[in-house]
Structures are given as C-alpha cells and as structure tokens.
Protein backbone atom coordinates (compact mmCIF):
# COMPACT_ATOMS: atom_id res chain seq x y z
CA MET A 1 141.77 97.20 96.04
CA MET A 2 140.18 98.67 99.20
CA LYS A 3 136.79 98.60 97.50
CA ASP A 4 137.14 94.83 96.95
CA ILE A 5 138.30 94.37 100.54
CA ALA A 6 135.27 96.33 101.77
CA LYS A 7 132.92 94.07 99.76
CA VAL A 8 134.40 90.95 101.33
CA HIS A 9 134.26 92.51 104.80
CA THR A 10 130.63 93.61 104.53
CA SER A 11 129.49 90.28 103.09
CA ALA A 12 131.32 88.28 105.77
CA LEU A 13 130.40 90.55 108.70
CA PRO A 14 127.07 92.22 107.84
CA HIS A 15 126.09 92.50 111.50
CA THR A 16 128.98 94.77 112.52
CA LEU A 17 128.66 98.53 112.94
CA SER A 18 131.36 99.17 110.34
CA SER A 19 129.51 97.08 107.72
CA ARG A 20 126.25 98.83 108.47
CA MET A 21 128.03 102.15 107.84
CA GLY A 22 128.65 101.01 104.25
CA GLU A 23 131.43 99.86 101.96
CA GLY A 24 132.89 103.36 101.61
CA PHE A 25 133.33 103.61 105.36
CA VAL A 26 134.87 100.12 105.58
CA ALA A 27 137.27 100.91 102.72
CA SER A 28 138.40 104.07 104.53
CA LEU A 29 139.10 102.06 107.70
CA TYR A 30 141.28 99.61 105.76
CA ARG A 31 143.11 102.52 104.11
CA VAL A 32 144.01 103.91 107.54
CA VAL A 33 145.10 100.49 108.85
CA SER A 34 147.25 99.90 105.75
CA ARG A 35 149.14 103.13 106.49
CA ILE A 36 149.93 102.32 110.12
CA GLY A 37 149.73 98.52 110.15
CA TYR A 38 149.17 95.75 107.65
CA VAL A 39 146.45 94.50 105.31
CA LYS A 40 147.09 91.13 103.67
CA TYR A 41 144.73 89.31 101.37
CA ALA A 42 144.12 86.05 99.56
CA LYS A 43 142.85 85.64 96.01
CA ARG A 44 141.31 82.70 94.23
CA GLU A 45 140.39 82.56 90.57
CA GLY A 46 141.35 86.23 90.25
CA LYS A 47 138.92 87.28 92.99
CA LEU A 48 139.75 88.64 96.43
CA VAL A 49 138.33 86.11 98.92
CA GLY A 50 139.91 86.91 102.29
CA VAL A 51 141.61 89.65 104.29
CA VAL A 52 143.57 89.91 107.52
CA SER A 53 144.53 93.28 108.96
CA GLY A 54 146.19 94.55 112.08
CA ILE A 55 148.47 96.96 113.84
CA GLY A 56 151.67 95.73 115.42
CA ARG A 57 151.06 92.31 116.97
CA TRP A 58 147.27 92.79 117.11
CA ILE A 59 144.98 91.23 114.51
CA LEU A 60 142.08 93.63 113.96
CA THR A 61 140.12 91.75 111.30
CA LEU A 62 140.13 88.37 109.64
CA VAL A 63 137.37 87.96 107.09
CA VAL A 64 136.72 85.38 104.39
CA ASP A 65 134.07 85.65 101.70
CA PRO A 66 131.16 83.42 102.82
CA GLU A 67 131.35 81.46 99.54
CA TRP A 68 135.00 80.60 100.28
CA GLN A 69 134.79 79.77 103.98
CA ARG A 70 136.01 76.37 105.23
CA ARG A 71 138.50 76.06 102.36
CA GLY A 72 141.70 77.02 104.18
CA ILE A 73 141.67 80.74 103.35
CA GLY A 74 141.63 81.80 107.03
CA ARG A 75 144.54 79.48 107.80
CA GLU A 76 146.47 80.83 104.82
CA LEU A 77 145.98 84.39 106.03
CA ILE A 78 147.01 83.57 109.61
CA ASP A 79 150.06 81.70 108.29
CA GLN A 80 151.22 84.94 106.62
CA LEU A 81 151.70 86.43 110.10
CA SER A 82 154.84 85.42 111.92
CA GLY A 83 155.66 85.60 115.59
CA ARG A 84 153.52 86.37 118.58
CA ARG A 85 150.04 87.66 117.71
CA PHE A 86 147.04 88.80 119.72
CA VAL A 87 143.39 88.85 118.78
CA TYR A 88 140.08 89.47 120.47
CA THR A 89 136.90 87.81 119.32
CA ASP A 90 133.60 86.36 120.43
CA GLU A 91 132.70 82.76 121.18
CA CYS A 92 131.87 81.82 117.58
CA SER A 93 135.49 82.24 116.38
CA VAL A 94 137.44 80.85 119.34
CA LYS A 95 137.71 77.29 118.01
CA PHE A 96 139.15 78.56 114.73
CA TYR A 97 141.84 80.57 116.50
CA GLU A 98 142.65 77.66 118.81
CA LYS A 99 143.21 75.47 115.73
CA MET A 100 145.61 78.16 114.50
CA GLY A 101 147.68 77.85 117.69
CA PHE A 102 146.14 80.63 119.77
CA GLY A 103 145.38 80.17 123.45
CA GLN A 104 142.89 82.07 125.55
CA ILE A 105 144.33 84.75 127.82
CA ILE A 106 141.23 86.27 129.38
CA ARG A 107 137.51 86.66 128.90
CA VAL A 108 135.86 90.04 129.48
CA GLY A 109 132.11 89.65 129.17
CA LYS A 110 131.47 88.15 125.73
CA THR A 111 134.91 89.17 124.39
CA ILE A 112 137.73 86.64 124.49
CA PHE A 113 141.39 87.65 124.14
CA LEU A 114 143.79 85.10 122.65
CA CYS A 115 147.53 84.93 122.00
CA ARG A 116 149.72 82.89 119.67
CA LYS A 117 153.37 82.52 120.59
C-alpha cells in the first residue's frame, strides 16, 4: 500500500524534496507517520487516487493524483477528519482549505497556517 501512496505523492508533488528523494523514501515516511499518526486514502476504480496523513490534529500531507484532481477527492479526505485540525501550506492551496472550513491563523514568510474548528 505504501508503494501506491508514494506514487500518488510523487506524481502530485514532484517539486518537493521528499519526492525528489524517490518513491522508496516517500513510502518510508508514510510508514513512520502511519505508526504514530494516521494515513487515510481514497480509491476510485480500484486505484489509489488520494491520501491525507497527519499526527494528532496536524495534517502533514494531502495529495490527490493529478488525473483525479477537482473531482471531490480532497474534500472526501478532509471530511474523514473530525474535530479541530491544523495545516500549513503555501498560497496555492489556501483557497482549497478555506472552502473546507479552515481559517488563516498566521503567515510566516510564504507559509500560511490554518485551523478548522
């Protein structure tokens, strides 16, 4: 399963350091997170198409296969998480999180911290 998650992650976020380190590295990160936090996923047509992971109330990653973006997968993944949640992101994802009920807390440089109650 972690191998499939790593493929989705690297295809959705090729510019990140973790993706540039390779699918094996990304899979190992998700294995660690699954032991101390959570890794939830969405499937369509028998294929893994999206993943959300985190520790405690913090969302660490939310990735959707580029071929499946803008089809409600991200919303479905966020909806699996109940209660107060925190996330940090850059400008390109803020509108998505705001649609999901998150509000901005603070901006530090290019990083924006958001919270959903």
